Amino acid sequence: PGGPDADPVLPASKGLHRFVWDLRYPTLKGVPRVFIEGSYQGRKVAPGAYLLRLRMGSKEATTQVRVLPHPKITATKAEYAEQQQWQKKVEDDINDIHQSVLNMRKARQQVAGINDRLAKNAAQKTLYEQGQAIVKKLQQWEDELVQNKAQSNDDIINFVNKLSADYIFLRGEMDANIPYVTKGQKEQFDAMHAIWEKQKAAMHQMLANEISAFNKLYQQAGLPAIILQY
C-alpha cells in the first residue's frame, strides 16, 4: 500500500508471450505507506528512434523502433526536447526525495532499535537521550517531505500535501501530449527545488553531526553489537 504499483514483468512460463511497452520511462520511486494522489508513471518518451533489448541469460535480442509524433500536434524537436528536460528534472527530484526518505528511515529505525535496548540502562542515559532526540529530528525532517498521516488513498483529502506530492502533481501537469512547458510550471519547479535543496542540506548536516556524534558515543561506551535482555 502506498507508492507505485509493481511494474509488469515478462512471464517465465513456457509458450508465446506478448509484452507491451507503454512508451514511458521507468516508474518513479515510492515510499511505503505514503499515499499520493497522482501517477508514479515515468514520462512519455519523445518522438524518435529507440532500441528495444530482450535478455535471457547470455542471450540477447535487439530491434530498432521509431516512435512517431501525433499527426494532429504541431511541435518542433526543440519543444519536445524542452518538455523532456523539465520533466526529467522533476522526476530526478522526486526519486531523490523518496530515496532519501527511505535511507533516513533506515537510519531512524536503527537508532530507535538501539534505544529500545538501552531504555533500562541507567549507565547509558546520555546515549539514550541523544538517540531519542535524533529519532524525533529525523521524523520531523521526513514529515516535511511526505504526508505520513494518511492511511489510504481516500484519506489524503484530510491532510495537506507535502513536498513530494506537490512534485508529482507538477509532473502530471507537465506530462501533456502537447509539448509545452509553461512559465508557471518552471517557476513552481524552481520554488520546490529550492525547498528540497534546503531539506537535503539539513539531511547531510544530521548525518555529519547528530548521527556521527551518536556513533562515536556508542563506540566510546564500548557497547556490544548485540545487547541481550533477559
Protein backbone atom coordinates (compact mmCIF):
# COMPACT_ATOMS: atom_id res chain seq x y z
CA PRO A 1 0.00 0.00 0.00
CA GLY A 2 1.18 3.45 -0.89
CA GLY A 3 3.77 4.11 -3.56
CA PRO A 4 3.53 2.86 -7.14
CA ASP A 5 2.10 -0.45 -8.30
CA ALA A 6 4.63 -3.11 -9.22
CA ASP A 7 5.89 -2.91 -12.80
CA PRO A 8 4.62 -5.64 -15.15
CA VAL A 9 7.14 -8.35 -15.95
CA LEU A 10 7.52 -10.83 -18.77
CA PRO A 11 6.15 -14.24 -17.68
CA ALA A 12 8.71 -17.01 -17.25
CA SER A 13 6.36 -19.84 -18.21
CA LYS A 14 6.77 -21.76 -21.46
CA GLY A 15 4.96 -20.55 -24.53
CA LEU A 16 4.46 -17.40 -26.55
CA HIS A 17 4.01 -14.18 -24.57
CA ARG A 18 3.10 -10.65 -25.55
CA PHE A 19 4.58 -7.70 -23.66
CA VAL A 20 3.58 -4.13 -24.48
CA TRP A 21 5.90 -1.19 -23.82
CA ASP A 22 3.88 1.75 -22.56
CA LEU A 23 6.24 4.25 -24.27
CA ARG A 24 7.30 5.64 -20.92
CA TYR A 25 10.46 5.96 -18.88
CA PRO A 26 10.91 3.87 -15.67
CA THR A 27 8.37 4.16 -12.86
CA LEU A 28 9.21 6.69 -10.15
CA LYS A 29 10.39 5.59 -6.72
CA GLY A 30 7.75 5.43 -3.98
CA VAL A 31 7.69 5.26 -0.20
CA PRO A 32 5.70 2.52 1.59
CA ARG A 33 2.62 3.78 3.47
CA VAL A 34 2.80 7.19 1.76
CA PHE A 35 -0.36 7.80 -0.25
CA ILE A 36 -0.23 10.40 -3.02
CA GLU A 37 -2.98 11.33 -5.46
CA GLY A 38 -1.14 11.21 -8.74
CA SER A 39 0.73 8.94 -11.11
CA TYR A 40 4.14 7.40 -10.49
CA GLN A 41 4.47 6.60 -14.20
CA GLY A 42 7.62 7.77 -15.89
CA ARG A 43 7.27 10.48 -18.51
CA LYS A 44 6.23 9.69 -22.08
CA VAL A 45 9.13 9.30 -24.48
CA ALA A 46 9.55 11.93 -27.15
CA PRO A 47 9.21 11.03 -30.82
CA GLY A 48 12.39 9.42 -32.12
CA ALA A 49 14.33 6.17 -32.57
CA TYR A 50 14.67 3.70 -29.69
CA LEU A 51 16.46 0.40 -29.15
CA LEU A 52 14.47 -2.46 -27.65
CA ARG A 53 16.53 -5.12 -25.90
CA LEU A 54 15.44 -8.52 -24.57
CA ARG A 55 17.89 -10.53 -22.47
CA MET A 56 17.68 -14.09 -21.20
CA GLY A 57 20.83 -15.33 -19.55
CA SER A 58 23.66 -14.86 -22.06
CA LYS A 59 21.25 -14.48 -24.98
CA GLU A 60 20.16 -11.08 -26.25
CA ALA A 61 17.86 -9.87 -28.99
CA THR A 62 17.55 -6.24 -30.10
CA THR A 63 15.46 -4.29 -32.56
CA GLN A 64 15.05 -0.65 -33.52
CA VAL A 65 11.70 1.10 -33.31
CA ARG A 66 10.61 4.61 -34.14
CA VAL A 67 8.04 6.49 -32.06
CA LEU A 68 6.13 8.88 -34.31
CA PRO A 69 4.69 12.24 -33.25
CA HIS A 70 0.94 12.63 -33.08
CA PRO A 71 -0.12 13.69 -36.58
CA LYS A 72 -2.51 16.36 -35.29
CA ILE A 73 0.02 18.02 -32.98
CA THR A 74 2.31 20.62 -34.48
CA ALA A 75 5.50 20.77 -32.43
CA THR A 76 9.23 21.09 -33.06
CA LYS A 77 12.01 18.78 -31.86
CA ALA A 78 13.18 21.61 -29.61
CA GLU A 79 9.78 21.78 -27.90
CA TYR A 80 9.74 18.03 -27.31
CA ALA A 81 13.32 18.25 -26.00
CA GLU A 82 12.42 21.06 -23.60
CA GLN A 83 9.45 19.09 -22.27
CA GLN A 84 11.71 16.08 -21.70
CA GLN A 85 14.32 18.22 -19.98
CA TRP A 86 11.90 19.74 -17.48
CA GLN A 87 10.06 16.51 -16.78
CA LYS A 88 13.38 14.77 -16.11
CA LYS A 89 14.36 17.49 -13.64
CA VAL A 90 11.08 16.95 -11.78
CA GLU A 91 11.41 13.16 -11.84
CA ASP A 92 15.02 13.30 -10.65
CA ASP A 93 13.96 15.36 -7.62
CA ILE A 94 11.06 13.01 -6.84
CA ASN A 95 13.35 9.99 -6.95
CA ASP A 96 15.97 11.82 -4.88
CA ILE A 97 13.43 12.83 -2.23
CA HIS A 98 11.87 9.38 -1.93
CA GLN A 99 15.22 7.55 -1.89
CA SER A 100 16.48 9.95 0.80
CA VAL A 101 13.35 9.31 2.88
CA LEU A 102 13.91 5.55 2.56
CA ASN A 103 17.57 5.91 3.57
CA MET A 104 16.82 8.10 6.57
CA ARG A 105 14.01 5.78 7.66
CA LYS A 106 16.59 3.01 7.91
CA ALA A 107 18.84 5.26 9.98
CA ARG A 108 15.94 6.22 12.27
CA GLN A 109 14.91 2.60 12.72
CA GLN A 110 18.46 1.63 13.67
CA VAL A 111 18.72 4.38 16.27
CA ALA A 112 15.26 3.53 17.62
CA GLY A 113 16.27 -0.14 17.87
CA ILE A 114 19.36 0.74 19.88
CA ASN A 115 17.30 2.97 22.13
CA ASP A 116 14.82 0.17 22.81
CA ARG A 117 17.69 -1.91 24.17
CA LEU A 118 19.11 1.00 26.19
CA ALA A 119 15.84 2.18 27.72
CA LYS A 120 16.51 0.49 31.07
CA ASN A 121 20.27 1.03 31.09
CA ALA A 122 20.81 3.88 33.56
CA ALA A 123 24.53 3.98 32.79
CA GLN A 124 23.79 4.95 29.19
CA LYS A 125 21.27 7.71 29.89
CA THR A 126 23.19 10.29 27.82
CA LEU A 127 23.36 7.99 24.81
CA TYR A 128 19.68 7.12 25.17
CA GLU A 129 18.58 10.76 25.35
CA GLN A 130 20.74 11.64 22.35
CA GLY A 131 19.17 8.78 20.43
CA GLN A 132 15.67 9.94 21.32
CA ALA A 133 16.46 13.43 20.06
CA ILE A 134 17.78 12.03 16.78
CA VAL A 135 14.71 9.86 16.22
CA LYS A 136 12.47 12.88 16.79
CA LYS A 137 14.50 15.12 14.50
CA LEU A 138 14.58 12.54 11.71
CA GLN A 139 10.81 12.09 11.94
CA GLN A 140 10.25 15.83 11.77
CA TRP A 141 12.53 16.04 8.72
CA GLU A 142 10.60 13.27 6.95
CA ASP A 143 7.25 14.83 7.78
CA GLU A 144 8.25 17.93 5.81
CA LEU A 145 8.71 15.81 2.68
CA VAL A 146 5.94 13.18 2.73
CA GLN A 147 2.50 13.05 4.35
CA ASN A 148 2.54 10.20 6.87
CA LYS A 149 -0.89 10.76 8.39
CA ALA A 150 -2.99 9.41 5.51
CA GLN A 151 -3.92 5.75 5.91
CA SER A 152 -5.44 5.14 2.46
CA ASN A 153 -5.80 6.73 -0.97
CA ASP A 154 -9.13 8.31 0.03
CA ASP A 155 -7.69 9.62 3.30
CA ILE A 156 -5.41 12.10 1.54
CA ILE A 157 -8.24 14.67 1.37
CA ASN A 158 -7.96 15.04 5.14
CA PHE A 159 -4.30 16.07 5.24
CA VAL A 160 -2.23 18.71 3.47
CA ASN A 161 0.10 17.64 0.66
CA LYS A 162 3.81 17.60 1.38
CA LEU A 163 6.70 18.41 -0.94
CA SER A 164 6.91 15.16 -2.94
CA ALA A 165 3.14 15.19 -3.57
CA ASP A 166 3.44 18.71 -4.97
CA TYR A 167 6.23 17.49 -7.23
CA ILE A 168 4.10 14.60 -8.50
CA PHE A 169 1.21 16.97 -9.21
CA LEU A 170 3.54 19.25 -11.19
CA ARG A 171 4.93 16.30 -13.14
CA GLY A 172 1.39 15.27 -14.02
CA GLU A 173 0.68 18.76 -15.35
CA MET A 174 3.84 18.64 -17.49
CA ASP A 175 3.05 15.16 -18.83
CA ALA A 176 0.89 16.52 -21.64
CA ASN A 177 0.62 15.34 -25.24
CA ILE A 178 1.33 18.87 -26.47
CA PRO A 179 4.98 19.53 -25.53
CA TYR A 180 4.63 22.94 -23.98
CA VAL A 181 6.14 23.81 -20.60
CA THR A 182 4.66 26.99 -19.12
CA LYS A 183 6.47 29.75 -17.29
CA GLY A 184 4.37 28.99 -14.20
CA GLN A 185 5.43 25.34 -14.22
CA LYS A 186 9.09 26.34 -14.43
CA GLU A 187 8.71 28.82 -11.58
CA GLN A 188 6.91 26.22 -9.47
CA PHE A 189 9.74 23.74 -10.04
CA ASP A 190 12.37 26.32 -9.10
CA ALA A 191 10.49 27.14 -5.88
CA MET A 192 10.12 23.48 -4.87
CA HIS A 193 13.69 22.64 -5.85
CA ALA A 194 14.94 25.39 -3.54
CA ILE A 195 12.94 23.83 -0.68
CA TRP A 196 14.34 20.38 -1.45
CA GLU A 197 17.91 21.68 -1.58
CA LYS A 198 17.38 23.16 1.89
CA GLN A 199 15.98 19.88 3.21
CA LYS A 200 18.78 17.91 1.57
CA ALA A 201 21.33 20.15 3.26
CA ALA A 202 19.58 19.52 6.58
CA MET A 203 19.80 15.76 5.94
CA HIS A 204 23.54 15.91 5.27
CA GLN A 205 24.00 18.06 8.37
CA MET A 206 22.22 15.48 10.53
CA LEU A 207 24.36 12.71 9.07
CA ALA A 208 27.57 14.65 9.64
CA ASN A 209 26.68 15.94 13.10
CA GLU A 210 24.00 14.23 15.18
CA ILE A 211 24.27 10.71 13.76
CA SER A 212 28.06 10.84 13.58
CA ALA A 213 28.20 12.02 17.22
CA PHE A 214 25.79 9.25 18.25
CA ASN A 215 28.01 6.64 16.57
CA LYS A 216 31.10 7.95 18.36
CA LEU A 217 29.35 7.99 21.74
CA TYR A 218 28.14 4.43 21.16
CA GLN A 219 31.66 3.29 20.33
CA GLN A 220 33.13 5.09 23.34
CA ALA A 221 30.62 3.33 25.58
CA GLY A 222 32.09 0.01 24.45
CA LEU A 223 28.65 -1.48 23.88
CA PRO A 224 28.40 -4.83 22.07
CA ALA A 225 26.80 -5.11 18.63
CA ILE A 226 24.07 -7.30 20.17
CA ILE A 227 22.63 -6.23 23.51
CA LEU A 228 20.73 -9.05 25.14
CA GLN A 229 17.85 -8.52 27.52
CA TYR A 230 16.58 -11.17 29.93
